């Protein structure tokens, strides 16, 4: 384990989380921007259409390690319903996402990023996410305005999901760094810890109690690699201060 020149982060339940998530509310927000609805589709029609077109298809694609783009999903859904909007594809992502949940900062994530900025440790994001990197960047900038993320990558932009090593290899290319100069922090043992470890990036398991039901996937998981296990971002700050 070397002192990191860059730390890359997961998004969900690592930097931010999504309290009160409600996809129906997100669709209701989108419908405020309809310009054409020849079939007089209601919110209920949209919900049923989303289940038909996305539903299990997302789950099935993810099971084999790939990702569906939210923008393509929206296109398929709303062309199927005959609905048109006054929004760009990116705006549709953002309106839905903010409607479903405005998001919130994981405890002390902002303070931790301020510390990295102060110490000159570079940062970036790789997330398994239906939404585009542009939509995620907007959310990160809104909730963590002091971030200095050099790049933000989402699985929907690359059609493959962590733990696929290609995403981590691409990140190293973007950073211009060797694997042993980078740490990766996330809450998912397989996607984040084993995924980053396979390319030589040092993994940090962030196991925080916020929204505890979200953490059931950590149960009975034995990791076959070296990693740092923390529960609060202050622990990462302390490790880095002692390391330096």
C-alpha atoms as a PDB file:
ATOM      1  CA  UNK A   1       0.000   0.000   0.000  1.00  0.00           C
ATOM      2  CA  UNK A   2       1.472   3.323  -1.125  1.00  0.00           C
ATOM      3  CA  UNK A   3       0.370   6.822  -0.207  1.00  0.00           C
ATOM      4  CA  UNK A   4      -2.153   7.695  -2.953  1.00  0.00           C
ATOM      5  CA  UNK A   5      -1.650  10.322  -5.604  1.00  0.00           C
ATOM      6  CA  UNK A   6      -5.337   9.870  -6.473  1.00  0.00           C
ATOM      7  CA  UNK A   7      -8.376   8.361  -4.755  1.00  0.00           C
ATOM      8  CA  UNK A   8     -11.292   7.262  -6.937  1.00  0.00           C
ATOM      9  CA  UNK A   9     -14.749   6.911  -5.377  1.00  0.00           C
ATOM     10  CA  UNK A  10     -17.951   5.038  -5.932  1.00  0.00           C
ATOM     11  CA  UNK A  11     -21.057   7.258  -5.925  1.00  0.00           C
ATOM     12  CA  UNK A  12     -24.039   5.619  -4.198  1.00  0.00           C
ATOM     13  CA  UNK A  13     -23.771   5.164  -0.432  1.00  0.00           C
ATOM     14  CA  UNK A  14     -20.169   6.312  -0.660  1.00  0.00           C
ATOM     15  CA  UNK A  15     -20.226  10.014  -1.525  1.00  0.00           C
ATOM     16  CA  UNK A  16     -23.996  10.533  -1.694  1.00  0.00           C
ATOM     17  CA  UNK A  17     -27.174   8.573  -1.090  1.00  0.00           C
ATOM     18  CA  UNK A  18     -30.801   8.907  -2.191  1.00  0.00           C
ATOM     19  CA  UNK A  19     -33.188   9.188   0.774  1.00  0.00           C
ATOM     20  CA  UNK A  20     -36.889   8.758   0.067  1.00  0.00           C
ATOM     21  CA  UNK A  21     -36.332   7.404  -3.441  1.00  0.00           C
ATOM     22  CA  UNK A  22     -39.626   7.314  -5.386  1.00  0.00           C
ATOM     23  CA  UNK A  23     -39.520   6.603  -9.126  1.00  0.00           C
ATOM     24  CA  UNK A  24     -43.226   7.392  -9.500  1.00  0.00           C
ATOM     25  CA  UNK A  25     -42.562  10.891  -8.177  1.00  0.00           C
ATOM     26  CA  UNK A  26     -39.702  11.204 -10.669  1.00  0.00           C
ATOM     27  CA  UNK A  27     -41.983  10.288 -13.558  1.00  0.00           C
ATOM     28  CA  UNK A  28     -44.600  12.741 -12.294  1.00  0.00           C
ATOM     29  CA  UNK A  29     -42.006  15.522 -12.480  1.00  0.00           C
ATOM     30  CA  UNK A  30     -41.106  14.553 -16.038  1.00  0.00           C
ATOM     31  CA  UNK A  31     -44.729  14.705 -17.154  1.00  0.00           C
ATOM     32  CA  UNK A  32     -44.792  18.419 -16.320  1.00  0.00           C
ATOM     33  CA  UNK A  33     -42.667  18.961 -19.435  1.00  0.00           C
ATOM     34  CA  UNK A  34     -44.792  17.024 -21.955  1.00  0.00           C
ATOM     35  CA  UNK A  35     -45.365  18.755 -25.311  1.00  0.00           C
ATOM     36  CA  UNK A  36     -47.093  15.881 -27.111  1.00  0.00           C
ATOM     37  CA  UNK A  37     -49.274  13.105 -25.679  1.00  0.00           C
ATOM     38  CA  UNK A  38     -51.641  11.925 -28.442  1.00  0.00           C
ATOM     39  CA  UNK A  39     -52.701   8.827 -26.523  1.00  0.00           C
ATOM     40  CA  UNK A  40     -53.509  10.842 -23.369  1.00  0.00           C
ATOM     41  CA  UNK A  41     -51.206   8.647 -21.308  1.00  0.00           C
ATOM     42  CA  UNK A  42     -51.450   9.082 -17.554  1.00  0.00           C
ATOM     43  CA  UNK A  43     -48.817   8.670 -14.871  1.00  0.00           C
ATOM     44  CA  UNK A  44     -50.135   5.157 -14.324  1.00  0.00           C
ATOM     45  CA  UNK A  45     -49.578   4.387 -18.019  1.00  0.00           C
ATOM     46  CA  UNK A  46     -45.990   5.600 -17.714  1.00  0.00           C
ATOM     47  CA  UNK A  47     -45.362   3.423 -14.661  1.00  0.00           C
ATOM     48  CA  UNK A  48     -46.788   0.356 -16.435  1.00  0.00           C
ATOM     49  CA  UNK A  49     -44.780   1.138 -19.578  1.00  0.00           C
ATOM     50  CA  UNK A  50     -41.583   1.488 -17.580  1.00  0.00           C
ATOM     51  CA  UNK A  51     -42.139  -1.929 -16.019  1.00  0.00           C
ATOM     52  CA  UNK A  52     -42.780  -3.454 -19.439  1.00  0.00           C
ATOM     53  CA  UNK A  53     -39.833  -1.881 -21.264  1.00  0.00           C
ATOM     54  CA  UNK A  54     -37.273  -1.600 -18.468  1.00  0.00           C
ATOM     55  CA  UNK A  55     -38.387  -3.701 -15.497  1.00  0.00           C
ATOM     56  CA  UNK A  56     -36.700  -7.087 -15.567  1.00  0.00           C
ATOM     57  CA  UNK A  57     -34.680  -6.163 -18.659  1.00  0.00           C
ATOM     58  CA  UNK A  58     -32.400  -3.982 -16.539  1.00  0.00           C
ATOM     59  CA  UNK A  59     -31.960  -6.758 -13.984  1.00  0.00           C
ATOM     60  CA  UNK A  60     -31.229  -9.347 -16.684  1.00  0.00           C
ATOM     61  CA  UNK A  61     -28.647  -7.184 -18.415  1.00  0.00           C
ATOM     62  CA  UNK A  62     -26.922  -6.360 -15.139  1.00  0.00           C
ATOM     63  CA  UNK A  63     -26.724 -10.022 -14.171  1.00  0.00           C
ATOM     64  CA  UNK A  64     -24.331 -10.597 -17.067  1.00  0.00           C
ATOM     65  CA  UNK A  65     -22.226  -7.554 -16.197  1.00  0.00           C
ATOM     66  CA  UNK A  66     -23.598  -4.919 -18.530  1.00  0.00           C
ATOM     67  CA  UNK A  67     -25.633  -1.723 -18.223  1.00  0.00           C
ATOM     68  CA  UNK A  68     -28.629  -0.133 -19.914  1.00  0.00           C
ATOM     69  CA  UNK A  69     -28.350   3.592 -20.652  1.00  0.00           C
ATOM     70  CA  UNK A  70     -31.035   5.627 -18.936  1.00  0.00           C
ATOM     71  CA  UNK A  71     -31.255   7.933 -21.939  1.00  0.00           C
ATOM     72  CA  UNK A  72     -31.880   5.004 -24.276  1.00  0.00           C
ATOM     73  CA  UNK A  73     -34.363   3.577 -21.795  1.00  0.00           C
ATOM     74  CA  UNK A  74     -36.240   6.882 -21.750  1.00  0.00           C
ATOM     75  CA  UNK A  75     -36.252   6.993 -25.538  1.00  0.00           C
ATOM     76  CA  UNK A  76     -37.701   3.482 -25.807  1.00  0.00           C
ATOM     77  CA  UNK A  77     -40.308   4.118 -23.117  1.00  0.00           C
ATOM     78  CA  UNK A  78     -41.616   7.459 -24.311  1.00  0.00           C
ATOM     79  CA  UNK A  79     -41.554   6.658 -28.023  1.00  0.00           C
ATOM     80  CA  UNK A  80     -43.551   3.528 -27.147  1.00  0.00           C
ATOM     81  CA  UNK A  81     -46.089   5.756 -25.374  1.00  0.00           C
ATOM     82  CA  UNK A  82     -45.962   8.453 -28.062  1.00  0.00           C
ATOM     83  CA  UNK A  83     -44.949  11.132 -25.541  1.00  0.00           C
ATOM     84  CA  UNK A  84     -42.616  14.014 -26.390  1.00  0.00           C
ATOM     85  CA  UNK A  85     -40.956  16.535 -24.070  1.00  0.00           C
ATOM     86  CA  UNK A  86     -39.513  20.023 -24.168  1.00  0.00           C
ATOM     87  CA  UNK A  87     -36.342  18.635 -22.565  1.00  0.00           C
ATOM     88  CA  UNK A  88     -33.035  17.319 -23.852  1.00  0.00           C
ATOM     89  CA  UNK A  89     -32.132  13.703 -22.987  1.00  0.00           C
ATOM     90  CA  UNK A  90     -29.777  14.978 -20.268  1.00  0.00           C
ATOM     91  CA  UNK A  91     -32.459  17.266 -18.835  1.00  0.00           C
ATOM     92  CA  UNK A  92     -34.879  14.333 -18.751  1.00  0.00           C
ATOM     93  CA  UNK A  93     -32.388  12.343 -16.672  1.00  0.00           C
ATOM     94  CA  UNK A  94     -31.888  15.210 -14.252  1.00  0.00           C
ATOM     95  CA  UNK A  95     -35.574  16.098 -13.847  1.00  0.00           C
ATOM     96  CA  UNK A  96     -36.505  12.464 -13.173  1.00  0.00           C
ATOM     97  CA  UNK A  97     -33.573  11.862 -10.820  1.00  0.00           C
ATOM     98  CA  UNK A  98     -34.155  14.998  -8.772  1.00  0.00           C
ATOM     99  CA  UNK A  99     -37.863  14.218  -8.652  1.00  0.00           C
ATOM    100  CA  UNK A 100     -37.226  10.719  -7.364  1.00  0.00           C
ATOM    101  CA  UNK A 101     -34.713  11.956  -4.759  1.00  0.00           C
ATOM    102  CA  UNK A 102     -32.751  15.177  -4.486  1.00  0.00           C
ATOM    103  CA  UNK A 103     -29.949  13.196  -2.880  1.00  0.00           C
ATOM    104  CA  UNK A 104     -27.963  13.809   0.302  1.00  0.00           C
ATOM    105  CA  UNK A 105     -24.323  13.805   1.386  1.00  0.00           C
ATOM    106  CA  UNK A 106     -22.934  10.764   3.165  1.00  0.00           C
ATOM    107  CA  UNK A 107     -21.691  11.852   6.625  1.00  0.00           C
ATOM    108  CA  UNK A 108     -18.535  13.990   6.354  1.00  0.00           C
ATOM    109  CA  UNK A 109     -17.978  13.199   2.667  1.00  0.00           C
ATOM    110  CA  UNK A 110     -17.606  16.939   2.045  1.00  0.00           C
ATOM    111  CA  UNK A 111     -15.029  17.289   4.828  1.00  0.00           C
ATOM    112  CA  UNK A 112     -13.105  14.313   3.510  1.00  0.00           C
ATOM    113  CA  UNK A 113     -12.945  15.832   0.010  1.00  0.00           C
ATOM    114  CA  UNK A 114     -11.797  19.154   1.478  1.00  0.00           C
ATOM    115  CA  UNK A 115      -8.987  17.248   3.199  1.00  0.00           C
ATOM    116  CA  UNK A 116      -7.926  15.581  -0.060  1.00  0.00           C
ATOM    117  CA  UNK A 117      -7.954  18.933  -1.836  1.00  0.00           C
ATOM    118  CA  UNK A 118      -5.824  20.470   0.916  1.00  0.00           C
ATOM    119  CA  UNK A 119      -3.292  17.620   0.686  1.00  0.00           C
ATOM    120  CA  UNK A 120      -3.160  17.710  -3.099  1.00  0.00           C
ATOM    121  CA  UNK A 121      -4.574  14.203  -3.485  1.00  0.00           C
ATOM    122  CA  UNK A 122      -6.398  13.976  -6.792  1.00  0.00           C
ATOM    123  CA  UNK A 123      -9.910  12.504  -6.999  1.00  0.00           C
ATOM    124  CA  UNK A 124     -12.394  11.014  -9.460  1.00  0.00           C
ATOM    125  CA  UNK A 125     -15.533   8.839  -9.570  1.00  0.00           C
ATOM    126  CA  UNK A 126     -16.521   5.491 -11.115  1.00  0.00           C
ATOM    127  CA  UNK A 127     -20.135   4.442 -10.514  1.00  0.00           C
ATOM    128  CA  UNK A 128     -22.400   1.600 -11.594  1.00  0.00           C
ATOM    129  CA  UNK A 129     -25.304   3.778 -12.630  1.00  0.00           C
ATOM    130  CA  UNK A 130     -28.158   3.934 -15.116  1.00  0.00           C
ATOM    131  CA  UNK A 131     -27.625   7.668 -15.557  1.00  0.00           C
ATOM    132  CA  UNK A 132     -24.934   9.361 -17.607  1.00  0.00           C
ATOM    133  CA  UNK A 133     -21.695  10.810 -16.301  1.00  0.00           C
ATOM    134  CA  UNK A 134     -23.025  14.273 -17.181  1.00  0.00           C
ATOM    135  CA  UNK A 135     -26.113  13.778 -15.011  1.00  0.00           C
ATOM    136  CA  UNK A 136     -24.021  12.412 -12.158  1.00  0.00           C
ATOM    137  CA  UNK A 137     -21.559  15.298 -12.472  1.00  0.00           C
ATOM    138  CA  UNK A 138     -24.431  17.766 -12.094  1.00  0.00           C
ATOM    139  CA  UNK A 139     -25.561  16.022  -8.914  1.00  0.00           C
ATOM    140  CA  UNK A 140     -22.069  15.834  -7.453  1.00  0.00           C
ATOM    141  CA  UNK A 141     -21.432  19.497  -8.183  1.00  0.00           C
ATOM    142  CA  UNK A 142     -24.748  20.516  -6.610  1.00  0.00           C
ATOM    143  CA  UNK A 143     -24.269  18.574  -3.380  1.00  0.00           C
ATOM    144  CA  UNK A 144     -20.453  18.606  -3.147  1.00  0.00           C
ATOM    145  CA  UNK A 145     -19.562  21.959  -4.722  1.00  0.00           C
ATOM    146  CA  UNK A 146     -15.966  21.896  -3.457  1.00  0.00           C
ATOM    147  CA  UNK A 147     -15.129  18.650  -5.241  1.00  0.00           C
ATOM    148  CA  UNK A 148     -12.232  18.575  -7.687  1.00  0.00           C
ATOM    149  CA  UNK A 149     -13.106  15.368  -9.479  1.00  0.00           C
ATOM    150  CA  UNK A 150     -10.944  15.122 -12.580  1.00  0.00           C
ATOM    151  CA  UNK A 151     -13.368  12.759 -14.269  1.00  0.00           C
ATOM    152  CA  UNK A 152     -16.680  11.027 -13.556  1.00  0.00           C
ATOM    153  CA  UNK A 153     -17.426   7.654 -15.160  1.00  0.00           C
ATOM    154  CA  UNK A 154     -20.744   5.784 -15.076  1.00  0.00           C
ATOM    155  CA  UNK A 155     -21.407   2.267 -16.296  1.00  0.00           C
ATOM    156  CA  UNK A 156     -24.187   3.504 -18.592  1.00  0.00           C
ATOM    157  CA  UNK A 157     -21.609   5.443 -20.621  1.00  0.00           C
ATOM    158  CA  UNK A 158     -19.405   2.372 -21.075  1.00  0.00           C
ATOM    159  CA  UNK A 159     -22.115  -0.358 -21.262  1.00  0.00           C
ATOM    160  CA  UNK A 160     -20.237  -2.483 -18.710  1.00  0.00           C
ATOM    161  CA  UNK A 161     -20.428  -2.558 -14.915  1.00  0.00           C
ATOM    162  CA  UNK A 162     -17.911  -2.923 -12.120  1.00  0.00           C
ATOM    163  CA  UNK A 163     -16.208  -5.252 -11.271  1.00  0.00           C
ATOM    164  CA  UNK A 164     -15.236  -5.346 -14.957  1.00  0.00           C
ATOM    165  CA  UNK A 165     -11.578  -4.380 -14.895  1.00  0.00           C
ATOM    166  CA  UNK A 166     -11.869  -2.379 -18.112  1.00  0.00           C
ATOM    167  CA  UNK A 167     -13.536   0.488 -16.226  1.00  0.00           C
ATOM    168  CA  UNK A 168     -10.607   0.649 -13.795  1.00  0.00           C
ATOM    169  CA  UNK A 169      -8.070   0.363 -16.611  1.00  0.00           C
ATOM    170  CA  UNK A 170      -9.744   3.268 -18.411  1.00  0.00           C
ATOM    171  CA  UNK A 171      -9.640   5.307 -15.193  1.00  0.00           C
ATOM    172  CA  UNK A 172      -5.880   4.726 -14.883  1.00  0.00           C
ATOM    173  CA  UNK A 173      -5.442   5.875 -18.478  1.00  0.00           C
ATOM    174  CA  UNK A 174      -7.437   9.030 -17.744  1.00  0.00           C
ATOM    175  CA  UNK A 175      -5.421   9.706 -14.600  1.00  0.00           C
ATOM    176  CA  UNK A 176      -2.057   8.959 -16.195  1.00  0.00           C
ATOM    177  CA  UNK A 177      -1.051   7.015 -13.088  1.00  0.00           C
ATOM    178  CA  UNK A 178       0.135   3.536 -12.194  1.00  0.00           C
ATOM    179  CA  UNK A 179      -2.281   1.312 -10.297  1.00  0.00           C
ATOM    180  CA  UNK A 180      -0.075   1.372  -7.181  1.00  0.00           C
ATOM    181  CA  UNK A 181      -0.461   5.166  -7.022  1.00  0.00           C
ATOM    182  CA  UNK A 182      -4.267   4.998  -6.753  1.00  0.00           C
ATOM    183  CA  UNK A 183      -6.804   3.979  -4.097  1.00  0.00           C
ATOM    184  CA  UNK A 184     -10.461   3.162  -4.744  1.00  0.00           C
ATOM    185  CA  UNK A 185     -13.222   3.674  -2.118  1.00  0.00           C
ATOM    186  CA  UNK A 186     -16.619   2.032  -2.301  1.00  0.00           C
ATOM    187  CA  UNK A 187     -19.243   0.116  -0.322  1.00  0.00           C
ATOM    188  CA  UNK A 188     -19.709  -2.958  -2.526  1.00  0.00           C
ATOM    189  CA  UNK A 189     -17.274  -5.805  -1.792  1.00  0.00           C
ATOM    190  CA  UNK A 190     -17.447  -7.424  -5.210  1.00  0.00           C
ATOM    191  CA  UNK A 191     -17.866  -4.425  -7.520  1.00  0.00           C
ATOM    192  CA  UNK A 192     -15.627  -1.984  -5.664  1.00  0.00           C
ATOM    193  CA  UNK A 193     -13.127  -3.921  -3.574  1.00  0.00           C
ATOM    194  CA  UNK A 194     -12.483  -6.985  -5.708  1.00  0.00           C
ATOM    195  CA  UNK A 195     -12.990  -4.946  -8.868  1.00  0.00           C
ATOM    196  CA  UNK A 196     -10.294  -2.386  -8.111  1.00  0.00           C
ATOM    197  CA  UNK A 197      -7.947  -4.909  -6.502  1.00  0.00           C
ATOM    198  CA  UNK A 198      -7.722  -7.000  -9.662  1.00  0.00           C
ATOM    199  CA  UNK A 199      -5.894  -4.197 -11.485  1.00  0.00           C
ATOM    200  CA  UNK A 200      -3.581  -3.402  -8.554  1.00  0.00           C
ATOM    201  CA  UNK A 201      -5.477  -0.400  -7.183  1.00  0.00           C
ATOM    202  CA  UNK A 202      -5.590  -0.402  -3.365  1.00  0.00           C
ATOM    203  CA  UNK A 203      -9.229  -0.832  -2.216  1.00  0.00           C
ATOM    204  CA  UNK A 204     -10.982   0.857   0.706  1.00  0.00           C
ATOM    205  CA  UNK A 205     -14.269  -0.664   1.908  1.00  0.00           C
ATOM    206  CA  UNK A 206     -16.511   2.135   3.192  1.00  0.00           C
ATOM    207  CA  UNK A 207     -19.007   0.370   5.477  1.00  0.00           C
ATOM    208  CA  UNK A 208     -21.170   3.156   6.892  1.00  0.00           C
ATOM    209  CA  UNK A 209     -24.414   2.733   8.871  1.00  0.00           C
ATOM    210  CA  UNK A 210     -26.423   5.369   6.975  1.00  0.00           C
ATOM    211  CA  UNK A 211     -29.519   3.681   5.494  1.00  0.00           C
ATOM    212  CA  UNK A 212     -28.479   0.393   7.006  1.00  0.00           C
ATOM    213  CA  UNK A 213     -30.933  -1.713   4.984  1.00  0.00           C
ATOM    214  CA  UNK A 214     -28.887  -0.819   1.911  1.00  0.00           C
ATOM    215  CA  UNK A 215     -25.903  -2.673   3.380  1.00  0.00           C
ATOM    216  CA  UNK A 216     -27.343  -6.189   3.502  1.00  0.00           C
ATOM    217  CA  UNK A 217     -25.101  -7.116   0.567  1.00  0.00           C
ATOM    218  CA  UNK A 218     -22.093  -6.867   2.928  1.00  0.00           C
ATOM    219  CA  UNK A 219     -23.300  -9.847   4.967  1.00  0.00           C
ATOM    220  CA  UNK A 220     -21.220 -13.044   4.877  1.00  0.00           C
ATOM    221  CA  UNK A 221     -18.835 -11.679   2.273  1.00  0.00           C
ATOM    222  CA  UNK A 222     -15.233 -12.823   2.531  1.00  0.00           C
ATOM    223  CA  UNK A 223     -12.813 -10.771   0.469  1.00  0.00           C
ATOM    224  CA  UNK A 224      -9.757 -12.457  -0.992  1.00  0.00           C
ATOM    225  CA  UNK A 225      -7.579  -9.361  -1.231  1.00  0.00           C
ATOM    226  CA  UNK A 226      -5.845  -6.809   0.974  1.00  0.00           C
ATOM    227  CA  UNK A 227      -8.003  -3.795   1.721  1.00  0.00           C
ATOM    228  CA  UNK A 228      -8.689  -1.054   4.257  1.00  0.00           C
ATOM    229  CA  UNK A 229     -12.028  -1.352   6.092  1.00  0.00           C
ATOM    230  CA  UNK A 230     -13.471   1.911   7.408  1.00  0.00           C
ATOM    231  CA  UNK A 231     -16.859   3.012   8.738  1.00  0.00           C
ATOM    232  CA  UNK A 232     -16.495   6.798   8.766  1.00  0.00           C
ATOM    233  CA  UNK A 233     -14.671   9.205   6.469  1.00  0.00           C
ATOM    234  CA  UNK A 234     -12.748  10.526   9.465  1.00  0.00           C
ATOM    235  CA  UNK A 235     -11.010   7.147   9.583  1.00  0.00           C
ATOM    236  CA  UNK A 236      -9.704   7.667   6.059  1.00  0.00           C
ATOM    237  CA  UNK A 237      -8.431  11.112   7.021  1.00  0.00           C
ATOM    238  CA  UNK A 238      -6.686   9.652  10.061  1.00  0.00           C
ATOM    239  CA  UNK A 239      -5.041   6.886   8.002  1.00  0.00           C
ATOM    240  CA  UNK A 240      -3.782   9.366   5.425  1.00  0.00           C
ATOM    241  CA  UNK A 241      -2.424  11.713   8.098  1.00  0.00           C
ATOM    242  CA  UNK A 242      -0.573   8.870   9.830  1.00  0.00           C
ATOM    243  CA  UNK A 243       0.666   7.538   6.485  1.00  0.00           C
ATOM    244  CA  UNK A 244       2.113  10.900   5.468  1.00  0.00           C
END
